[in-house]
C-alpha cells in the first residue's frame, strides 16, 4: 500500500512536467531531404508533412515525429510543402529515416513525379515482368516478381491511385 501511495504522489508532478515539456516545445520545422541516384528533389527543405509508403503501411511524418527507420515499398510518396502545395512522387524502393531533431531523409532507388509516369509503359513493364515471373530459375522468378510489384504500383499511381 505504501508503494501505491508513493506512486500517486508522483503522478501529479509528472503530469506537470509533461505539460510543461509540451508547452515549451514549439518547433514546427521539419528539414526534408529526398533523393535518388539520378536526382535530388529536396535538400534540407522546410516542409509541413511527408507521407511515405512502407512495408509497415503508409504513414505521415510531421515535425517532432518519433525517430523512425523504415523500408519504402513501391508506391506514392507525398510531400506537403509550406506554401500549401503538394507534390506526389512514385518511389520503387529505398529507406526513410526520421531523426530526433526533426530532420527526415528519404533515399529511393528510383523516384519520379507521378505526373511524369506513363500508364502504357507501366502496363507494358507489368506484362513483361509477369511473363518473366513464370519462367527461369528461382532467382530469375524472384527478381521478376519484384519487377511485377513495382510495375503494379507504378500503374496504380499513373492511373491516379495510391
Foldseek 3Di string as FASTA:
>chain_A
DVVVVVVVVVVVVVVVVVVVVVVVPDDFWAFEWEDAVVDTPGGRATFAKKWFAFPVGIDIDGFQPDWDKTKGDFAWMKTQGPVRDIWIKTAHIFMWTQDRRRYIYTYGNDIDTLQPQDLVVLVVQLVVLVVQLVDDDPVSNVVSVSSNRNSVRSNCSNVPHD
